[in-house]
Amino acid sequence: MTDYAIELEKQLNFLENSASLIDAGKSDEAVRLAVTLRVIFHQTAASTSLLTHLGESNPNMLATGTPMGPKTYGEGGLTMARATGTGTGVIAEVRAKLGDGPPTSRIIPFEQWWPETIYRRGDLITTRRSLVLAAANKDGGAHIDDLPANYEQLKVGLWALHTPQNPELRLSDQWAQTLRQIAYEVLNTRDILKLAGRSFLS
């Protein structure tokens, strides 16, 4: 008989390993991170999530972004753009917020966390769910297919740095760093850690 708590611990280890690789600059690892998130959370008629196997379909989740209203456009604050001047120019990057930045953390039910809007540009809306499933199902995590428009938007990059040397330098790691931040949320969610038999040190 499958011990689903042990299986969850294995998936959390996968998340930690993928997060470390992303932090080391291996952005493509984010698609494998997305597959792990899909295994834990994605419930359909044809596929049972690990949460469902554990009998916990609506745990309380850590959310680190700012809630976006139905008319709010822009980013929900899961990532930060940073530019650093050097002797030869400017180094710019998008990074997962992790535990830095303004204190916007909330504890919300999974049923609110998973479909919560984290980016809205024009008519394109991205949620945690849509980002995870696009990376896992379309971008080589488990399958390869045409990318959804909202996901392509994140791949191109929502932010640009304007300098004399680079009139518009797109910061294109938004998609990977956002997935990295989602992993941070999961790995710091008490209810998830308890299901895996882990202790939580605040």
C-alpha atoms as a PDB file:
ATOM      1  CA  MET A   1       0.000   0.000   0.000  1.00  0.00           C
ATOM      2  CA  THR A   2       1.363   3.400  -0.995  1.00  0.00           C
ATOM      3  CA  ASP A   3       2.420   5.684   1.857  1.00  0.00           C
ATOM      4  CA  TYR A   4       1.361   9.037   0.426  1.00  0.00           C
ATOM      5  CA  ALA A   5       3.088  11.025   3.167  1.00  0.00           C
ATOM      6  CA  ILE A   6       6.393   9.493   2.045  1.00  0.00           C
ATOM      7  CA  GLU A   7       5.496  10.304  -1.556  1.00  0.00           C
ATOM      8  CA  LEU A   8       4.823  13.929  -0.599  1.00  0.00           C
ATOM      9  CA  GLU A   9       8.175  14.126   1.168  1.00  0.00           C
ATOM     10  CA  LYS A  10       9.801  12.878  -2.050  1.00  0.00           C
ATOM     11  CA  GLN A  11       8.050  15.566  -4.084  1.00  0.00           C
ATOM     12  CA  LEU A  12       9.122  18.260  -1.610  1.00  0.00           C
ATOM     13  CA  ASN A  13      12.694  17.054  -2.000  1.00  0.00           C
ATOM     14  CA  PHE A  14      12.287  17.380  -5.771  1.00  0.00           C
ATOM     15  CA  LEU A  15      11.048  20.946  -5.270  1.00  0.00           C
ATOM     16  CA  GLU A  16      14.058  21.805  -3.116  1.00  0.00           C
ATOM     17  CA  ASN A  17      16.491  20.325  -5.639  1.00  0.00           C
ATOM     18  CA  SER A  18      14.896  22.180  -8.561  1.00  0.00           C
ATOM     19  CA  ALA A  19      14.787  25.422  -6.562  1.00  0.00           C
ATOM     20  CA  SER A  20      18.514  25.149  -5.853  1.00  0.00           C
ATOM     21  CA  LEU A  21      19.270  24.702  -9.551  1.00  0.00           C
ATOM     22  CA  ILE A  22      17.118  27.698 -10.501  1.00  0.00           C
ATOM     23  CA  ASP A  23      18.911  29.764  -7.859  1.00  0.00           C
ATOM     24  CA  ALA A  24      22.179  28.704  -9.484  1.00  0.00           C
ATOM     25  CA  GLY A  25      21.025  30.120 -12.831  1.00  0.00           C
ATOM     26  CA  LYS A  26      19.510  26.987 -14.422  1.00  0.00           C
ATOM     27  CA  SER A  27      16.180  28.530 -15.441  1.00  0.00           C
ATOM     28  CA  ASP A  28      15.072  25.572 -17.578  1.00  0.00           C
ATOM     29  CA  GLU A  29      14.827  23.513 -14.378  1.00  0.00           C
ATOM     30  CA  ALA A  30      11.610  25.422 -13.732  1.00  0.00           C
ATOM     31  CA  VAL A  31       9.705  23.113 -16.079  1.00  0.00           C
ATOM     32  CA  ARG A  32      10.613  20.122 -13.916  1.00  0.00           C
ATOM     33  CA  LEU A  33       9.652  22.098 -10.835  1.00  0.00           C
ATOM     34  CA  ALA A  34       6.278  22.696 -12.487  1.00  0.00           C
ATOM     35  CA  VAL A  35       5.795  18.957 -13.033  1.00  0.00           C
ATOM     36  CA  THR A  36       6.359  18.393  -9.323  1.00  0.00           C
ATOM     37  CA  LEU A  37       3.800  21.062  -8.449  1.00  0.00           C
ATOM     38  CA  ARG A  38       1.336  19.448 -10.839  1.00  0.00           C
ATOM     39  CA  VAL A  39       1.788  16.069  -9.153  1.00  0.00           C
ATOM     40  CA  ILE A  40       1.071  17.574  -5.743  1.00  0.00           C
ATOM     41  CA  PHE A  41      -1.848  19.849  -6.620  1.00  0.00           C
ATOM     42  CA  HIS A  42      -3.538  19.194  -9.973  1.00  0.00           C
ATOM     43  CA  GLN A  43      -6.783  17.288  -9.560  1.00  0.00           C
ATOM     44  CA  THR A  44      -8.877  16.194 -12.554  1.00  0.00           C
ATOM     45  CA  ALA A  45     -11.361  13.441 -13.361  1.00  0.00           C
ATOM     46  CA  ALA A  46      -8.528  11.499 -14.986  1.00  0.00           C
ATOM     47  CA  SER A  47      -5.690  12.318 -12.581  1.00  0.00           C
ATOM     48  CA  THR A  48      -5.653  12.257  -8.785  1.00  0.00           C
ATOM     49  CA  SER A  49      -3.487  14.816  -7.024  1.00  0.00           C
ATOM     50  CA  LEU A  50      -1.235  13.865  -4.144  1.00  0.00           C
ATOM     51  CA  LEU A  51      -3.267  16.181  -1.922  1.00  0.00           C
ATOM     52  CA  THR A  52      -6.397  14.199  -2.724  1.00  0.00           C
ATOM     53  CA  HIS A  53      -4.610  10.913  -1.999  1.00  0.00           C
ATOM     54  CA  LEU A  54      -3.697  12.381   1.383  1.00  0.00           C
ATOM     55  CA  GLY A  55      -7.329  13.299   2.058  1.00  0.00           C
ATOM     56  CA  GLU A  56      -6.587  17.020   2.212  1.00  0.00           C
ATOM     57  CA  SER A  57      -8.089  18.884  -0.722  1.00  0.00           C
ATOM     58  CA  ASN A  58      -8.083  22.407   0.715  1.00  0.00           C
ATOM     59  CA  PRO A  59      -5.077  23.088   2.979  1.00  0.00           C
ATOM     60  CA  ASN A  60      -4.218  26.610   4.056  1.00  0.00           C
ATOM     61  CA  MET A  61      -1.414  27.910   1.821  1.00  0.00           C
ATOM     62  CA  LEU A  62       1.210  30.621   2.147  1.00  0.00           C
ATOM     63  CA  ALA A  63       0.657  33.353  -0.458  1.00  0.00           C
ATOM     64  CA  THR A  64       3.450  35.911  -0.763  1.00  0.00           C
ATOM     65  CA  GLY A  65       2.038  38.236  -3.390  1.00  0.00           C
ATOM     66  CA  THR A  66      -0.398  41.112  -3.227  1.00  0.00           C
ATOM     67  CA  PRO A  67      -4.052  40.300  -3.993  1.00  0.00           C
ATOM     68  CA  MET A  68      -5.118  41.601  -7.398  1.00  0.00           C
ATOM     69  CA  GLY A  69      -8.644  42.905  -7.836  1.00  0.00           C
ATOM     70  CA  PRO A  70     -10.677  42.256 -10.998  1.00  0.00           C
ATOM     71  CA  LYS A  71      -9.580  45.610 -12.460  1.00  0.00           C
ATOM     72  CA  THR A  72      -5.943  45.511 -11.277  1.00  0.00           C
ATOM     73  CA  TYR A  73      -3.325  45.241 -14.023  1.00  0.00           C
ATOM     74  CA  GLY A  74       0.344  44.341 -13.646  1.00  0.00           C
ATOM     75  CA  GLU A  75       2.148  41.912 -11.372  1.00  0.00           C
ATOM     76  CA  GLY A  76       1.086  40.386  -8.092  1.00  0.00           C
ATOM     77  CA  GLY A  77       4.475  40.808  -6.485  1.00  0.00           C
ATOM     78  CA  LEU A  78       5.919  37.282  -6.590  1.00  0.00           C
ATOM     79  CA  THR A  79       9.115  38.519  -8.256  1.00  0.00           C
ATOM     80  CA  MET A  80      11.373  41.555  -8.101  1.00  0.00           C
ATOM     81  CA  ALA A  81      13.384  43.313 -10.814  1.00  0.00           C
ATOM     82  CA  ARG A  82      16.881  44.394  -9.860  1.00  0.00           C
ATOM     83  CA  ALA A  83      19.524  46.396 -11.726  1.00  0.00           C
ATOM     84  CA  THR A  84      23.125  46.659 -10.547  1.00  0.00           C
ATOM     85  CA  GLY A  85      25.652  49.078 -12.001  1.00  0.00           C
ATOM     86  CA  THR A  86      29.128  47.775 -12.863  1.00  0.00           C
ATOM     87  CA  GLY A  87      32.253  49.290 -14.346  1.00  0.00           C
ATOM     88  CA  THR A  88      31.201  48.144 -17.809  1.00  0.00           C
ATOM     89  CA  GLY A  89      27.443  48.670 -17.707  1.00  0.00           C
ATOM     90  CA  VAL A  90      24.352  47.410 -15.932  1.00  0.00           C
ATOM     91  CA  ILE A  91      23.425  43.875 -14.871  1.00  0.00           C
ATOM     92  CA  ALA A  92      19.670  43.419 -14.673  1.00  0.00           C
ATOM     93  CA  GLU A  93      17.631  40.433 -13.554  1.00  0.00           C
ATOM     94  CA  VAL A  94      14.269  39.243 -12.315  1.00  0.00           C
ATOM     95  CA  ARG A  95      14.419  37.226  -9.108  1.00  0.00           C
ATOM     96  CA  ALA A  96      11.912  35.370  -6.983  1.00  0.00           C
ATOM     97  CA  LYS A  97      11.023  37.451  -3.968  1.00  0.00           C
ATOM     98  CA  LEU A  98      11.483  34.512  -1.557  1.00  0.00           C
ATOM     99  CA  GLY A  99      11.240  36.047   1.921  1.00  0.00           C
ATOM    100  CA  ASP A 100      12.409  39.511   0.898  1.00  0.00           C
ATOM    101  CA  GLY A 101      10.505  42.635  -0.028  1.00  0.00           C
ATOM    102  CA  PRO A 102       7.419  44.177   1.592  1.00  0.00           C
ATOM    103  CA  PRO A 103       5.578  41.976   4.134  1.00  0.00           C
ATOM    104  CA  THR A 104       2.637  40.896   1.982  1.00  0.00           C
ATOM    105  CA  SER A 105       2.354  37.266   3.136  1.00  0.00           C
ATOM    106  CA  ARG A 106      -1.118  35.829   3.674  1.00  0.00           C
ATOM    107  CA  ILE A 107      -2.512  32.431   4.612  1.00  0.00           C
ATOM    108  CA  ILE A 108      -5.367  31.510   2.274  1.00  0.00           C
ATOM    109  CA  PRO A 109      -7.221  28.290   1.377  1.00  0.00           C
ATOM    110  CA  PHE A 110      -5.819  26.222  -1.472  1.00  0.00           C
ATOM    111  CA  GLU A 111      -9.071  26.723  -3.388  1.00  0.00           C
ATOM    112  CA  GLN A 112      -8.248  30.448  -3.447  1.00  0.00           C
ATOM    113  CA  TRP A 113      -4.462  30.135  -3.761  1.00  0.00           C
ATOM    114  CA  TRP A 114      -4.289  27.798  -6.793  1.00  0.00           C
ATOM    115  CA  PRO A 115      -6.505  29.885  -9.158  1.00  0.00           C
ATOM    116  CA  GLU A 116      -5.423  33.281  -7.777  1.00  0.00           C
ATOM    117  CA  THR A 117      -4.422  35.849 -10.421  1.00  0.00           C
ATOM    118  CA  ILE A 118      -0.701  36.666 -10.223  1.00  0.00           C
ATOM    119  CA  TYR A 119      -0.308  38.619 -13.509  1.00  0.00           C
ATOM    120  CA  ARG A 120      -2.739  40.550 -15.657  1.00  0.00           C
ATOM    121  CA  ARG A 121      -1.652  42.314 -18.844  1.00  0.00           C
ATOM    122  CA  GLY A 122      -4.402  43.434 -21.173  1.00  0.00           C
ATOM    123  CA  ASP A 123      -6.757  40.498 -21.655  1.00  0.00           C
ATOM    124  CA  LEU A 124      -4.127  37.962 -20.575  1.00  0.00           C
ATOM    125  CA  ILE A 125      -4.460  36.587 -17.048  1.00  0.00           C
ATOM    126  CA  THR A 126      -2.007  34.235 -15.373  1.00  0.00           C
ATOM    127  CA  THR A 127      -2.801  32.252 -12.237  1.00  0.00           C
ATOM    128  CA  ARG A 128      -0.596  29.889 -10.255  1.00  0.00           C
ATOM    129  CA  ARG A 129      -2.531  27.005 -11.797  1.00  0.00           C
ATOM    130  CA  SER A 130      -2.260  28.219 -15.394  1.00  0.00           C
ATOM    131  CA  LEU A 131       1.474  28.929 -15.074  1.00  0.00           C
ATOM    132  CA  VAL A 132       2.252  25.529 -13.540  1.00  0.00           C
ATOM    133  CA  LEU A 133       0.184  23.634 -16.100  1.00  0.00           C
ATOM    134  CA  ALA A 134       1.589  25.577 -19.075  1.00  0.00           C
ATOM    135  CA  ALA A 135       5.162  24.779 -18.044  1.00  0.00           C
ATOM    136  CA  ALA A 136       4.386  21.145 -17.217  1.00  0.00           C
ATOM    137  CA  ASN A 137       2.042  20.349 -20.100  1.00  0.00           C
ATOM    138  CA  LYS A 138       3.253  22.602 -22.926  1.00  0.00           C
ATOM    139  CA  ASP A 139       6.886  23.627 -22.359  1.00  0.00           C
ATOM    140  CA  GLY A 140       8.631  20.277 -22.065  1.00  0.00           C
ATOM    141  CA  GLY A 141       7.918  19.289 -18.486  1.00  0.00           C
ATOM    142  CA  ALA A 142       5.787  16.316 -19.456  1.00  0.00           C
ATOM    143  CA  HIS A 143       4.676  17.360 -22.968  1.00  0.00           C
ATOM    144  CA  ILE A 144       5.569  19.861 -25.682  1.00  0.00           C
ATOM    145  CA  ASP A 145       2.869  21.856 -27.462  1.00  0.00           C
ATOM    146  CA  ASP A 146       2.012  25.379 -28.581  1.00  0.00           C
ATOM    147  CA  LEU A 147       2.473  27.744 -25.657  1.00  0.00           C
ATOM    148  CA  PRO A 148      -0.515  29.724 -24.332  1.00  0.00           C
ATOM    149  CA  ALA A 149      -0.313  33.465 -24.958  1.00  0.00           C
ATOM    150  CA  ASN A 150      -0.166  34.377 -21.270  1.00  0.00           C
ATOM    151  CA  TYR A 151       2.750  31.988 -20.748  1.00  0.00           C
ATOM    152  CA  GLU A 152       4.603  33.283 -23.817  1.00  0.00           C
ATOM    153  CA  GLN A 153       4.219  36.776 -22.373  1.00  0.00           C
ATOM    154  CA  LEU A 154       6.095  35.702 -19.241  1.00  0.00           C
ATOM    155  CA  LYS A 155       8.749  33.921 -21.322  1.00  0.00           C
ATOM    156  CA  VAL A 156       9.434  37.117 -23.252  1.00  0.00           C
ATOM    157  CA  GLY A 157       9.456  39.111 -20.027  1.00  0.00           C
ATOM    158  CA  LEU A 158       7.104  41.729 -18.616  1.00  0.00           C
ATOM    159  CA  TRP A 159       9.831  44.114 -17.542  1.00  0.00           C
ATOM    160  CA  ALA A 160      12.462  45.852 -19.665  1.00  0.00           C
ATOM    161  CA  LEU A 161      15.560  47.839 -18.749  1.00  0.00           C
ATOM    162  CA  HIS A 162      16.200  50.948 -20.848  1.00  0.00           C
ATOM    163  CA  THR A 163      19.827  52.086 -21.140  1.00  0.00           C
ATOM    164  CA  PRO A 164      21.830  53.839 -23.889  1.00  0.00           C
ATOM    165  CA  GLN A 165      23.512  50.503 -24.663  1.00  0.00           C
ATOM    166  CA  ASN A 166      20.223  48.527 -24.603  1.00  0.00           C
ATOM    167  CA  PRO A 167      17.173  50.587 -25.625  1.00  0.00           C
ATOM    168  CA  GLU A 168      14.955  47.738 -24.415  1.00  0.00           C
ATOM    169  CA  LEU A 169      16.601  44.824 -22.644  1.00  0.00           C
ATOM    170  CA  ARG A 170      13.854  42.336 -21.760  1.00  0.00           C
ATOM    171  CA  LEU A 171      14.221  40.579 -18.403  1.00  0.00           C
ATOM    172  CA  SER A 172      13.118  37.160 -19.586  1.00  0.00           C
ATOM    173  CA  ASP A 173      13.371  34.936 -16.494  1.00  0.00           C
ATOM    174  CA  GLN A 174       9.973  36.027 -15.178  1.00  0.00           C
ATOM    175  CA  TRP A 175       8.334  32.654 -15.816  1.00  0.00           C
ATOM    176  CA  ALA A 176      11.070  30.630 -14.084  1.00  0.00           C
ATOM    177  CA  GLN A 177      11.424  32.970 -11.127  1.00  0.00           C
ATOM    178  CA  THR A 178       7.665  33.037 -10.598  1.00  0.00           C
ATOM    179  CA  LEU A 179       7.609  29.243 -10.469  1.00  0.00           C
ATOM    180  CA  ARG A 180      10.536  29.440  -8.049  1.00  0.00           C
ATOM    181  CA  GLN A 181       8.476  31.715  -5.799  1.00  0.00           C
ATOM    182  CA  ILE A 182       5.514  29.344  -5.916  1.00  0.00           C
ATOM    183  CA  ALA A 183       7.858  26.576  -4.760  1.00  0.00           C
ATOM    184  CA  TYR A 184       8.989  28.849  -1.929  1.00  0.00           C
ATOM    185  CA  GLU A 185       5.362  29.267  -0.879  1.00  0.00           C
ATOM    186  CA  VAL A 186       4.765  25.519  -0.883  1.00  0.00           C
ATOM    187  CA  LEU A 187       7.963  24.748   1.030  1.00  0.00           C
ATOM    188  CA  ASN A 188       6.964  27.270   3.697  1.00  0.00           C
ATOM    189  CA  THR A 189       3.333  26.202   4.068  1.00  0.00           C
ATOM    190  CA  ARG A 190       2.681  24.603   7.459  1.00  0.00           C
ATOM    191  CA  ASP A 191      -0.209  22.411   6.303  1.00  0.00           C
ATOM    192  CA  ILE A 192       1.855  20.911   3.459  1.00  0.00           C
ATOM    193  CA  LEU A 193       4.870  20.241   5.663  1.00  0.00           C
ATOM    194  CA  LYS A 194       2.673  18.579   8.289  1.00  0.00           C
ATOM    195  CA  LEU A 195       1.194  16.260   5.671  1.00  0.00           C
ATOM    196  CA  ALA A 196       4.730  15.143   4.814  1.00  0.00           C
ATOM    197  CA  GLY A 197       5.618  14.644   8.476  1.00  0.00           C
ATOM    198  CA  ARG A 198       7.978  17.607   8.558  1.00  0.00           C
ATOM    199  CA  SER A 199       8.237  20.057  11.419  1.00  0.00           C
ATOM    200  CA  PHE A 200       7.870  23.770  10.738  1.00  0.00           C
ATOM    201  CA  LEU A 201      10.255  26.249  12.296  1.00  0.00           C
ATOM    202  CA  SER A 202       9.003  29.833  12.082  1.00  0.00           C
END
